[in-house]
All heavy atoms as atom14 arrays in JSON, in Angstrom:
{
  "sequence": "FERVVFPAQTILFCTPPEAVLEVYTGSHATCLLADSVPCSQLEIREVV",
  "atom14_mask": [
    [1, 1, 1, 1, 1, 1, 1, 1, 1, 1, 1, 0, 0, 0],
    [1, 1, 1, 1, 1, 1, 1, 1, 1, 0, 0, 0, 0, 0],
    [1, 1, 1, 1, 1, 1, 1, 1, 1, 1, 1, 0, 0, 0],
    [1, 1, 1, 1, 1, 1, 1, 0, 0, 0, 0, 0, 0, 0],
    [1, 1, 1, 1, 1, 1, 1, 0, 0, 0, 0, 0, 0, 0],
    [1, 1, 1, 1, 1, 1, 1, 1, 1, 1, 1, 0, 0, 0],
    [1, 1, 1, 1, 1, 1, 1, 0, 0, 0, 0, 0, 0, 0],
    [1, 1, 1, 1, 1, 0, 0, 0, 0, 0, 0, 0, 0, 0],
    [1, 1, 1, 1, 1, 1, 1, 1, 1, 0, 0, 0, 0, 0],
    [1, 1, 1, 1, 1, 1, 1, 0, 0, 0, 0, 0, 0, 0],
    [1, 1, 1, 1, 1, 1, 1, 1, 0, 0, 0, 0, 0, 0],
    [1, 1, 1, 1, 1, 1, 1, 1, 0, 0, 0, 0, 0, 0],
    [1, 1, 1, 1, 1, 1, 1, 1, 1, 1, 1, 0, 0, 0],
    [1, 1, 1, 1, 1, 1, 0, 0, 0, 0, 0, 0, 0, 0],
    [1, 1, 1, 1, 1, 1, 1, 0, 0, 0, 0, 0, 0, 0],
    [1, 1, 1, 1, 1, 1, 1, 0, 0, 0, 0, 0, 0, 0],
    [1, 1, 1, 1, 1, 1, 1, 0, 0, 0, 0, 0, 0, 0],
    [1, 1, 1, 1, 1, 1, 1, 1, 1, 0, 0, 0, 0, 0],
    [1, 1, 1, 1, 1, 0, 0, 0, 0, 0, 0, 0, 0, 0],
    [1, 1, 1, 1, 1, 1, 1, 0, 0, 0, 0, 0, 0, 0],
    [1, 1, 1, 1, 1, 1, 1, 1, 0, 0, 0, 0, 0, 0],
    [1, 1, 1, 1, 1, 1, 1, 1, 1, 0, 0, 0, 0, 0],
    [1, 1, 1, 1, 1, 1, 1, 0, 0, 0, 0, 0, 0, 0],
    [1, 1, 1, 1, 1, 1, 1, 1, 1, 1, 1, 1, 0, 0],
    [1, 1, 1, 1, 1, 1, 1, 0, 0, 0, 0, 0, 0, 0],
    [1, 1, 1, 1, 0, 0, 0, 0, 0, 0, 0, 0, 0, 0],
    [1, 1, 1, 1, 1, 1, 0, 0, 0, 0, 0, 0, 0, 0],
    [1, 1, 1, 1, 1, 1, 1, 1, 1, 1, 0, 0, 0, 0],
    [1, 1, 1, 1, 1, 0, 0, 0, 0, 0, 0, 0, 0, 0],
    [1, 1, 1, 1, 1, 1, 1, 0, 0, 0, 0, 0, 0, 0],
    [1, 1, 1, 1, 1, 1, 0, 0, 0, 0, 0, 0, 0, 0],
    [1, 1, 1, 1, 1, 1, 1, 1, 0, 0, 0, 0, 0, 0],
    [1, 1, 1, 1, 1, 1, 1, 1, 0, 0, 0, 0, 0, 0],
    [1, 1, 1, 1, 1, 0, 0, 0, 0, 0, 0, 0, 0, 0],
    [1, 1, 1, 1, 1, 1, 1, 1, 0, 0, 0, 0, 0, 0],
    [1, 1, 1, 1, 1, 1, 0, 0, 0, 0, 0, 0, 0, 0],
    [1, 1, 1, 1, 1, 1, 1, 0, 0, 0, 0, 0, 0, 0],
    [1, 1, 1, 1, 1, 1, 1, 0, 0, 0, 0, 0, 0, 0],
    [1, 1, 1, 1, 1, 1, 0, 0, 0, 0, 0, 0, 0, 0],
    [1, 1, 1, 1, 1, 1, 0, 0, 0, 0, 0, 0, 0, 0],
    [1, 1, 1, 1, 1, 1, 1, 1, 1, 0, 0, 0, 0, 0],
    [1, 1, 1, 1, 1, 1, 1, 1, 0, 0, 0, 0, 0, 0],
    [1, 1, 1, 1, 1, 1, 1, 1, 1, 0, 0, 0, 0, 0],
    [1, 1, 1, 1, 1, 1, 1, 1, 0, 0, 0, 0, 0, 0],
    [1, 1, 1, 1, 1, 1, 1, 1, 1, 1, 1, 0, 0, 0],
    [1, 1, 1, 1, 1, 1, 1, 1, 1, 0, 0, 0, 0, 0],
    [1, 1, 1, 1, 1, 1, 1, 0, 0, 0, 0, 0, 0, 0],
    [1, 1, 1, 1, 1, 1, 1, 0, 0, 0, 0, 0, 0, 0]
  ],
  "atom14_positions": [
    [[-4.23, -5.82, -2.74], [-3.97, -6.1, -4.16], [-4.48, -4.94, -5.0], [-5.61, -4.48, -4.79], [-4.72, -7.39, -4.58], [-4.65, -7.73, -6.03], [-3.57, -8.47, -6.51], [-5.63, -7.35, -6.91], [-3.49, -8.81, -7.84], [-5.58, -7.67, -8.26], [-4.49, -8.41, -8.72], [0.0, 0.0, 0.0], [0.0, 0.0, 0.0], [0.0, 0.0, 0.0]],
    [[-3.64, -4.42, -5.86], [-4.05, -3.33, -6.77], [-3.26, -3.45, -8.07], [-2.04, -3.61, -8.03], [-3.81, -1.96, -6.13], [-4.22, -0.8, -7.04], [-4.12, 0.55, -6.37], [-4.9, 0.77, -5.42], [-3.25, 1.33, -6.75], [0.0, 0.0, 0.0], [0.0, 0.0, 0.0], [0.0, 0.0, 0.0], [0.0, 0.0, 0.0], [0.0, 0.0, 0.0]],
    [[-3.93, -3.38, -9.21], [-3.31, -3.45, -10.53], [-3.99, -2.51, -11.5], [-5.19, -2.3, -11.42], [-3.4, -4.87, -11.11], [-2.66, -5.95, -10.31], [-1.15, -5.8, -10.4], [-0.48, -6.9, -9.79], [-0.17, -7.01, -8.5], [-0.53, -6.05, -7.66], [0.49, -8.05, -8.03], [0.0, 0.0, 0.0], [0.0, 0.0, 0.0], [0.0, 0.0, 0.0]],
    [[-3.22, -2.0, -12.44], [-3.76, -1.24, -13.56], [-4.0, -2.25, -14.65], [-3.15, -3.08, -14.98], [-2.76, -0.16, -14.03], [-3.28, 0.53, -15.28], [-2.51, 0.85, -12.93], [0.0, 0.0, 0.0], [0.0, 0.0, 0.0], [0.0, 0.0, 0.0], [0.0, 0.0, 0.0], [0.0, 0.0, 0.0], [0.0, 0.0, 0.0], [0.0, 0.0, 0.0]],
    [[-5.21, -2.19, -15.25], [-5.57, -3.12, -16.31], [-5.91, -2.3, -17.56], [-6.74, -1.4, -17.55], [-6.8, -3.97, -15.9], [-7.16, -4.96, -17.01], [-6.54, -4.69, -14.59], [0.0, 0.0, 0.0], [0.0, 0.0, 0.0], [0.0, 0.0, 0.0], [0.0, 0.0, 0.0], [0.0, 0.0, 0.0], [0.0, 0.0, 0.0], [0.0, 0.0, 0.0]],
    [[-5.23, -2.65, -18.65], [-5.42, -1.97, -19.93], [-6.45, -2.69, -20.76], [-6.72, -3.88, -20.54], [-4.08, -1.87, -20.66], [-3.09, -0.99, -19.96], [-2.14, -1.54, -19.1], [-3.12, 0.39, -20.12], [-1.24, -0.73, -18.43], [-2.21, 1.2, -19.44], [-1.28, 0.64, -18.6], [0.0, 0.0, 0.0], [0.0, 0.0, 0.0], [0.0, 0.0, 0.0]],
    [[-7.06, -2.02, -21.76], [-8.05, -2.67, -22.61], [-7.5, -3.96, -23.23], [-6.34, -4.03, -23.64], [-8.31, -1.62, -23.69], [-8.0, -0.33, -23.03], [-6.83, -0.64, -22.11], [0.0, 0.0, 0.0], [0.0, 0.0, 0.0], [0.0, 0.0, 0.0], [0.0, 0.0, 0.0], [0.0, 0.0, 0.0], [0.0, 0.0, 0.0], [0.0, 0.0, 0.0]],
    [[-8.31, -4.99, -23.25], [-8.01, -6.31, -23.8], [-6.96, -7.07, -22.99], [-6.55, -8.15, -23.39], [-7.59, -6.22, -25.26], [0.0, 0.0, 0.0], [0.0, 0.0, 0.0], [0.0, 0.0, 0.0], [0.0, 0.0, 0.0], [0.0, 0.0, 0.0], [0.0, 0.0, 0.0], [0.0, 0.0, 0.0], [0.0, 0.0, 0.0], [0.0, 0.0, 0.0]],
    [[-6.55, -6.57, -21.85], [-5.6, -7.26, -20.99], [-6.34, -8.24, -20.09], [-7.45, -7.94, -19.62], [-4.81, -6.28, -20.14], [-3.76, -6.93, -19.26], [-2.98, -5.93, -18.42], [-3.31, -4.75, -18.37], [-1.96, -6.39, -17.76], [0.0, 0.0, 0.0], [0.0, 0.0, 0.0], [0.0, 0.0, 0.0], [0.0, 0.0, 0.0], [0.0, 0.0, 0.0]],
    [[-5.75, -9.38, -19.84], [-6.29, -10.39, -18.93], [-5.36, -10.52, -17.74], [-4.15, -10.56, -17.89], [-6.39, -11.75, -19.64], [-7.24, -11.61, -20.8], [-6.98, -12.81, -18.73], [0.0, 0.0, 0.0], [0.0, 0.0, 0.0], [0.0, 0.0, 0.0], [0.0, 0.0, 0.0], [0.0, 0.0, 0.0], [0.0, 0.0, 0.0], [0.0, 0.0, 0.0]],
    [[-5.93, -10.59, -16.53], [-5.12, -10.83, -15.35], [-5.68, -12.03, -14.58], [-6.89, -12.25, -14.62], [-5.01, -9.6, -14.41], [-6.4, -9.21, -13.86], [-4.37, -8.44, -15.12], [-6.34, -8.19, -12.76], [0.0, 0.0, 0.0], [0.0, 0.0, 0.0], [0.0, 0.0, 0.0], [0.0, 0.0, 0.0], [0.0, 0.0, 0.0], [0.0, 0.0, 0.0]],
    [[-4.8, -12.79, -13.99], [-5.2, -13.88, -13.13], [-4.65, -13.58, -11.75], [-3.54, -13.1, -11.61], [-4.61, -15.2, -13.64], [-5.16, -15.72, -14.97], [-4.38, -16.99, -15.4], [-6.64, -16.0, -14.89], [0.0, 0.0, 0.0], [0.0, 0.0, 0.0], [0.0, 0.0, 0.0], [0.0, 0.0, 0.0], [0.0, 0.0, 0.0], [0.0, 0.0, 0.0]],
    [[-5.44, -13.9, -10.72], [-5.0, -13.65, -9.35], [-5.7, -14.64, -8.43], [-6.75, -15.19, -8.75], [-5.27, -12.22, -8.93], [-6.71, -11.8, -9.1], [-7.61, -11.93, -8.07], [-7.15, -11.27, -10.31], [-8.94, -11.54, -8.23], [-8.47, -10.88, -10.48], [-9.38, -11.0, -9.43], [0.0, 0.0, 0.0], [0.0, 0.0, 0.0], [0.0, 0.0, 0.0]],
    [[-5.1, -14.89, -7.27], [-5.67, -15.76, -6.25], [-6.05, -14.91, -5.05], [-5.3, -14.0, -4.67], [-4.65, -16.8, -5.82], [-4.17, -17.9, -7.14], [0.0, 0.0, 0.0], [0.0, 0.0, 0.0], [0.0, 0.0, 0.0], [0.0, 0.0, 0.0], [0.0, 0.0, 0.0], [0.0, 0.0, 0.0], [0.0, 0.0, 0.0], [0.0, 0.0, 0.0]],
    [[-7.22, -15.21, -4.47], [-7.69, -14.45, -3.31], [-8.39, -15.38, -2.33], [-8.8, -16.48, -2.68], [-8.74, -13.39, -3.73], [-9.88, -14.05, -4.23], [-8.2, -12.42, -4.76], [0.0, 0.0, 0.0], [0.0, 0.0, 0.0], [0.0, 0.0, 0.0], [0.0, 0.0, 0.0], [0.0, 0.0, 0.0], [0.0, 0.0, 0.0], [0.0, 0.0, 0.0]],
    [[-8.54, -14.92, -1.1], [-9.39, -15.65, -0.17], [-10.86, -15.6, -0.67], [-11.22, -14.69, -1.42], [-9.25, -14.85, 1.14], [-8.02, -14.05, 1.0], [-7.87, -13.77, -0.48], [0.0, 0.0, 0.0], [0.0, 0.0, 0.0], [0.0, 0.0, 0.0], [0.0, 0.0, 0.0], [0.0, 0.0, 0.0], [0.0, 0.0, 0.0], [0.0, 0.0, 0.0]],
    [[-11.67, -16.58, -0.31], [-13.06, -16.64, -0.8], [-13.91, -15.41, -0.51], [-14.81, -15.07, -1.27], [-13.65, -17.86, -0.11], [-12.51, -18.6, 0.48], [-11.36, -17.65, 0.6], [0.0, 0.0, 0.0], [0.0, 0.0, 0.0], [0.0, 0.0, 0.0], [0.0, 0.0, 0.0], [0.0, 0.0, 0.0], [0.0, 0.0, 0.0], [0.0, 0.0, 0.0]],
    [[-13.62, -14.69, 0.58], [-14.46, -13.54, 0.95], [-14.03, -12.24, 0.26], [-14.68, -11.21, 0.43], [-14.41, -13.33, 2.47], [-13.08, -12.86, 3.02], [-12.09, -13.97, 3.33], [-12.31, -15.14, 2.94], [-11.08, -13.68, 3.97], [0.0, 0.0, 0.0], [0.0, 0.0, 0.0], [0.0, 0.0, 0.0], [0.0, 0.0, 0.0], [0.0, 0.0, 0.0]],
    [[-13.01, -12.27, -0.57], [-12.49, -11.06, -1.22], [-13.51, -10.48, -2.2], [-14.3, -11.21, -2.81], [-11.19, -11.37, -1.94], [0.0, 0.0, 0.0], [0.0, 0.0, 0.0], [0.0, 0.0, 0.0], [0.0, 0.0, 0.0], [0.0, 0.0, 0.0], [0.0, 0.0, 0.0], [0.0, 0.0, 0.0], [0.0, 0.0, 0.0], [0.0, 0.0, 0.0]],
    [[-13.48, -9.14, -2.34], [-14.34, -8.43, -3.28], [-13.41, -7.6, -4.18], [-12.6, -6.83, -3.71], [-15.33, -7.51, -2.56], [-16.13, -6.68, -3.56], [-16.26, -8.34, -1.69], [0.0, 0.0, 0.0], [0.0, 0.0, 0.0], [0.0, 0.0, 0.0], [0.0, 0.0, 0.0], [0.0, 0.0, 0.0], [0.0, 0.0, 0.0], [0.0, 0.0, 0.0]],
    [[-13.57, -7.75, -5.49], [-12.8, -7.0, -6.48], [-13.52, -5.67, -6.75], [-14.69, -5.67, -7.14], [-12.66, -7.78, -7.78], [-11.8, -7.12, -8.85], [-10.34, -7.19, -8.46], [-12.03, -7.77, -10.2], [0.0, 0.0, 0.0], [0.0, 0.0, 0.0], [0.0, 0.0, 0.0], [0.0, 0.0, 0.0], [0.0, 0.0, 0.0], [0.0, 0.0, 0.0]],
    [[-12.83, -4.57, -6.53], [-13.36, -3.24, -6.83], [-12.76, -2.79, -8.15], [-11.55, -2.88, -8.37], [-12.99, -2.24, -5.73], [-13.54, -2.6, -4.38], [-13.02, -1.7, -3.29], [-12.02, -0.98, -3.49], [-13.62, -1.71, -2.2], [0.0, 0.0, 0.0], [0.0, 0.0, 0.0], [0.0, 0.0, 0.0], [0.0, 0.0, 0.0], [0.0, 0.0, 0.0]],
    [[-13.59, -2.28, -9.06], [-13.13, -1.81, -10.36], [-13.32, -0.29, -10.41], [-14.45, 0.19, -10.27], [-13.92, -2.49, -11.51], [-13.42, -1.99, -12.86], [-13.82, -4.0, -11.4], [0.0, 0.0, 0.0], [0.0, 0.0, 0.0], [0.0, 0.0, 0.0], [0.0, 0.0, 0.0], [0.0, 0.0, 0.0], [0.0, 0.0, 0.0], [0.0, 0.0, 0.0]],
    [[-12.24, 0.42, -10.62], [-12.26, 1.88, -10.69], [-11.98, 2.32, -12.11], [-11.14, 1.73, -12.8], [-11.2, 2.48, -9.76], [-11.5, 2.27, -8.3], [-11.16, 1.1, -7.66], [-12.17, 3.26, -7.57], [-11.44, 0.89, -6.32], [-12.48, 3.07, -6.23], [-12.09, 1.88, -5.61], [-12.39, 1.68, -4.29], [0.0, 0.0, 0.0], [0.0, 0.0, 0.0]],
    [[-12.67, 3.36, -12.54], [-12.48, 3.92, -13.86], [-12.52, 5.44, -13.79], [-13.05, 5.98, -12.82], [-13.55, 3.38, -14.85], [-13.21, 3.78, -16.17], [-14.93, 3.84, -14.49], [0.0, 0.0, 0.0], [0.0, 0.0, 0.0], [0.0, 0.0, 0.0], [0.0, 0.0, 0.0], [0.0, 0.0, 0.0], [0.0, 0.0, 0.0], [0.0, 0.0, 0.0]],
    [[-11.96, 6.1, -14.76], [-11.99, 7.57, -14.73], [-10.85, 8.18, -15.48], [-10.1, 7.5, -16.21], [0.0, 0.0, 0.0], [0.0, 0.0, 0.0], [0.0, 0.0, 0.0], [0.0, 0.0, 0.0], [0.0, 0.0, 0.0], [0.0, 0.0, 0.0], [0.0, 0.0, 0.0], [0.0, 0.0, 0.0], [0.0, 0.0, 0.0], [0.0, 0.0, 0.0]],
    [[-10.68, 9.46, -15.28], [-9.62, 10.21, -15.95], [-8.4, 10.28, -15.02], [-8.39, 9.72, -13.93], [-10.09, 11.62, -16.28], [-10.33, 12.34, -15.08], [0.0, 0.0, 0.0], [0.0, 0.0, 0.0], [0.0, 0.0, 0.0], [0.0, 0.0, 0.0], [0.0, 0.0, 0.0], [0.0, 0.0, 0.0], [0.0, 0.0, 0.0], [0.0, 0.0, 0.0]],
    [[-7.37, 11.02, -15.44], [-6.17, 11.15, -14.64], [-6.46, 11.87, -13.3], [-5.83, 11.59, -12.29], [-5.11, 11.95, -15.4], [-4.62, 11.22, -16.6], [-3.84, 10.07, -16.53], [-4.82, 11.43, -17.93], [-3.57, 9.66, -17.74], [-4.17, 10.45, -18.6], [0.0, 0.0, 0.0], [0.0, 0.0, 0.0], [0.0, 0.0, 0.0], [0.0, 0.0, 0.0]],
    [[-7.39, 12.78, -13.29], [-7.68, 13.57, -12.1], [-8.68, 12.89, -11.14], [-8.67, 13.15, -9.95], [-8.2, 14.95, -12.49], [0.0, 0.0, 0.0], [0.0, 0.0, 0.0], [0.0, 0.0, 0.0], [0.0, 0.0, 0.0], [0.0, 0.0, 0.0], [0.0, 0.0, 0.0], [0.0, 0.0, 0.0], [0.0, 0.0, 0.0], [0.0, 0.0, 0.0]],
    [[-9.53, 12.02, -11.69], [-10.58, 11.43, -10.88], [-10.66, 9.94, -11.13], [-10.53, 9.47, -12.26], [-11.96, 12.05, -11.27], [-11.86, 13.47, -11.2], [-13.06, 11.57, -10.35], [0.0, 0.0, 0.0], [0.0, 0.0, 0.0], [0.0, 0.0, 0.0], [0.0, 0.0, 0.0], [0.0, 0.0, 0.0], [0.0, 0.0, 0.0], [0.0, 0.0, 0.0]],
    [[-10.88, 9.2, -10.07], [-11.02, 7.75, -10.17], [-12.29, 7.37, -9.4], [-12.38, 7.61, -8.19], [-9.79, 7.07, -9.61], [-9.63, 5.37, -10.1], [0.0, 0.0, 0.0], [0.0, 0.0, 0.0], [0.0, 0.0, 0.0], [0.0, 0.0, 0.0], [0.0, 0.0, 0.0], [0.0, 0.0, 0.0], [0.0, 0.0, 0.0], [0.0, 0.0, 0.0]],
    [[-13.26, 6.82, -10.09], [-14.56, 6.49, -9.46], [-14.77, 5.0, -9.42], [-14.42, 4.26, -10.34], [-15.69, 7.12, -10.27], [-15.66, 8.64, -10.44], [-16.73, 9.08, -11.41], [-15.83, 9.32, -9.09], [0.0, 0.0, 0.0], [0.0, 0.0, 0.0], [0.0, 0.0, 0.0], [0.0, 0.0, 0.0], [0.0, 0.0, 0.0], [0.0, 0.0, 0.0]],
    [[-15.35, 4.52, -8.31], [-15.69, 3.12, -8.18], [-16.82, 2.81, -9.15], [-17.91, 3.35, -9.07], [-16.14, 2.8, -6.75], [-16.55, 1.36, -6.47], [-15.4, 0.4, -6.71], [-17.05, 1.24, -5.03], [0.0, 0.0, 0.0], [0.0, 0.0, 0.0], [0.0, 0.0, 0.0], [0.0, 0.0, 0.0], [0.0, 0.0, 0.0], [0.0, 0.0, 0.0]],
    [[-16.54, 1.92, -10.13], [-17.5, 1.59, -11.15], [-18.28, 0.31, -10.82], [-19.45, 0.16, -11.19], [-16.82, 1.43, -12.51], [0.0, 0.0, 0.0], [0.0, 0.0, 0.0], [0.0, 0.0, 0.0], [0.0, 0.0, 0.0], [0.0, 0.0, 0.0], [0.0, 0.0, 0.0], [0.0, 0.0, 0.0], [0.0, 0.0, 0.0], [0.0, 0.0, 0.0]],
    [[-17.62, -0.64, -10.12], [-18.28, -1.9, -9.8], [-17.56, -2.61, -8.68], [-16.36, -2.41, -8.49], [-18.28, -2.79, -11.05], [-19.36, -3.87, -11.04], [-20.14, -3.94, -10.06], [-19.42, -4.64, -12.01], [0.0, 0.0, 0.0], [0.0, 0.0, 0.0], [0.0, 0.0, 0.0], [0.0, 0.0, 0.0], [0.0, 0.0, 0.0], [0.0, 0.0, 0.0]],
    [[-18.26, -3.44, -7.96], [-17.7, -4.34, -6.95], [-18.21, -5.75, -7.22], [-19.43, -5.93, -7.36], [-18.12, -3.91, -5.54], [-17.59, -2.66, -5.21], [0.0, 0.0, 0.0], [0.0, 0.0, 0.0], [0.0, 0.0, 0.0], [0.0, 0.0, 0.0], [0.0, 0.0, 0.0], [0.0, 0.0, 0.0], [0.0, 0.0, 0.0], [0.0, 0.0, 0.0]],
    [[-17.28, -6.7, -7.33], [-17.66, -8.04, -7.71], [-17.07, -9.03, -6.68], [-15.85, -9.03, -6.47], [-17.12, -8.38, -9.12], [-17.55, -9.79, -9.53], [-17.55, -7.36, -10.12], [0.0, 0.0, 0.0], [0.0, 0.0, 0.0], [0.0, 0.0, 0.0], [0.0, 0.0, 0.0], [0.0, 0.0, 0.0], [0.0, 0.0, 0.0], [0.0, 0.0, 0.0]],
    [[-17.91, -9.86, -6.07], [-17.35, -10.91, -5.18], [-16.42, -11.82, -5.99], [-16.79, -12.3, -7.07], [-18.57, -11.67, -4.69], [-19.72, -10.72, -4.9], [-19.36, -9.9, -6.11], [0.0, 0.0, 0.0], [0.0, 0.0, 0.0], [0.0, 0.0, 0.0], [0.0, 0.0, 0.0], [0.0, 0.0, 0.0], [0.0, 0.0, 0.0], [0.0, 0.0, 0.0]],
    [[-15.21, -12.05, -5.47], [-14.26, -12.88, -6.21], [-14.75, -14.3, -6.39], [-14.33, -15.0, -7.32], [-12.89, -12.83, -5.51], [-12.09, -11.23, -5.68], [0.0, 0.0, 0.0], [0.0, 0.0, 0.0], [0.0, 0.0, 0.0], [0.0, 0.0, 0.0], [0.0, 0.0, 0.0], [0.0, 0.0, 0.0], [0.0, 0.0, 0.0], [0.0, 0.0, 0.0]],
    [[-15.63, -14.76, -5.52], [-16.21, -16.11, -5.67], [-16.96, -16.24, -6.99], [-17.07, -17.32, -7.55], [-17.11, -16.45, -4.49], [-18.19, -15.52, -4.42], [0.0, 0.0, 0.0], [0.0, 0.0, 0.0], [0.0, 0.0, 0.0], [0.0, 0.0, 0.0], [0.0, 0.0, 0.0], [0.0, 0.0, 0.0], [0.0, 0.0, 0.0], [0.0, 0.0, 0.0]],
    [[-17.47, -15.12, -7.54], [-18.16, -15.15, -8.83], [-17.2, -15.13, -10.01], [-17.59, -15.38, -11.14], [-19.09, -13.94, -8.96], [-20.27, -13.99, -8.02], [-21.19, -12.79, -8.19], [-21.0, -11.94, -9.07], [-22.19, -12.72, -7.36], [0.0, 0.0, 0.0], [0.0, 0.0, 0.0], [0.0, 0.0, 0.0], [0.0, 0.0, 0.0], [0.0, 0.0, 0.0]],
    [[-15.92, -14.85, -9.76], [-14.92, -14.78, -10.82], [-14.07, -16.03, -10.92], [-13.21, -16.13, -11.77], [-13.99, -13.57, -10.57], [-14.66, -12.21, -10.51], [-13.65, -11.16, -10.06], [-15.3, -11.86, -11.81], [0.0, 0.0, 0.0], [0.0, 0.0, 0.0], [0.0, 0.0, 0.0], [0.0, 0.0, 0.0], [0.0, 0.0, 0.0], [0.0, 0.0, 0.0]],
    [[-14.32, -17.0, -10.05], [-13.49, -18.19, -9.97], [-13.47, -18.95, -11.3], [-14.49, -19.16, -11.94], [-14.03, -19.11, -8.88], [-13.21, -20.36, -8.71], [-13.75, -21.26, -7.61], [-14.83, -20.98, -7.05], [-13.07, -22.26, -7.34], [0.0, 0.0, 0.0], [0.0, 0.0, 0.0], [0.0, 0.0, 0.0], [0.0, 0.0, 0.0], [0.0, 0.0, 0.0]],
    [[-12.23, -19.35, -11.69], [-12.1, -20.23, -12.83], [-11.52, -21.56, -12.3], [-10.75, -21.58, -11.36], [-11.21, -19.66, -13.95], [-9.83, -19.32, -13.43], [-11.84, -18.44, -14.56], [-8.84, -18.92, -14.52], [0.0, 0.0, 0.0], [0.0, 0.0, 0.0], [0.0, 0.0, 0.0], [0.0, 0.0, 0.0], [0.0, 0.0, 0.0], [0.0, 0.0, 0.0]],
    [[-11.91, -22.62, -12.91], [-11.46, -23.94, -12.43], [-10.35, -24.51, -13.3], [-9.64, -25.42, -12.9], [-12.63, -24.89, -12.38], [-13.7, -24.39, -11.42], [-14.68, -25.47, -11.07], [-15.78, -24.94, -10.27], [-15.72, -24.78, -8.97], [-14.63, -25.07, -8.32], [-16.76, -24.3, -8.31], [0.0, 0.0, 0.0], [0.0, 0.0, 0.0], [0.0, 0.0, 0.0]],
    [[-10.21, -24.03, -14.51], [-9.19, -24.54, -15.43], [-8.54, -23.35, -16.14], [-9.25, -22.49, -16.68], [-9.83, -25.47, -16.45], [-8.86, -26.12, -17.38], [-9.55, -27.11, -18.31], [-10.52, -27.76, -17.91], [-9.14, -27.19, -19.47], [0.0, 0.0, 0.0], [0.0, 0.0, 0.0], [0.0, 0.0, 0.0], [0.0, 0.0, 0.0], [0.0, 0.0, 0.0]],
    [[-7.23, -23.3, -16.17], [-6.53, -22.22, -16.84], [-6.35, -22.59, -18.29], [-5.85, -23.66, -18.62], [-5.15, -21.96, -16.18], [-4.37, -20.9, -16.93], [-5.35, -21.57, -14.72], [0.0, 0.0, 0.0], [0.0, 0.0, 0.0], [0.0, 0.0, 0.0], [0.0, 0.0, 0.0], [0.0, 0.0, 0.0], [0.0, 0.0, 0.0], [0.0, 0.0, 0.0]],
    [[-6.75, -21.67, -19.2], [-6.57, -21.88, -20.62], [-5.1, -21.63, -20.95], [-4.54, -20.58, -20.6], [-7.49, -20.93, -21.42], [-7.28, -21.1, -22.9], [-8.93, -21.17, -21.02], [0.0, 0.0, 0.0], [0.0, 0.0, 0.0], [0.0, 0.0, 0.0], [0.0, 0.0, 0.0], [0.0, 0.0, 0.0], [0.0, 0.0, 0.0], [0.0, 0.0, 0.0]]
  ]
}
């Protein structure tokens, strides 16, 4: 799974419980890993 996310954009996705979301940030020439978040911590139970 890979997506480009723009400022103020919201994305919803489904993953297996063991998945880890990696967040990359940077310029056009360089992309650096900024954070890794277990998807279990991102779980929502009700969609707004």
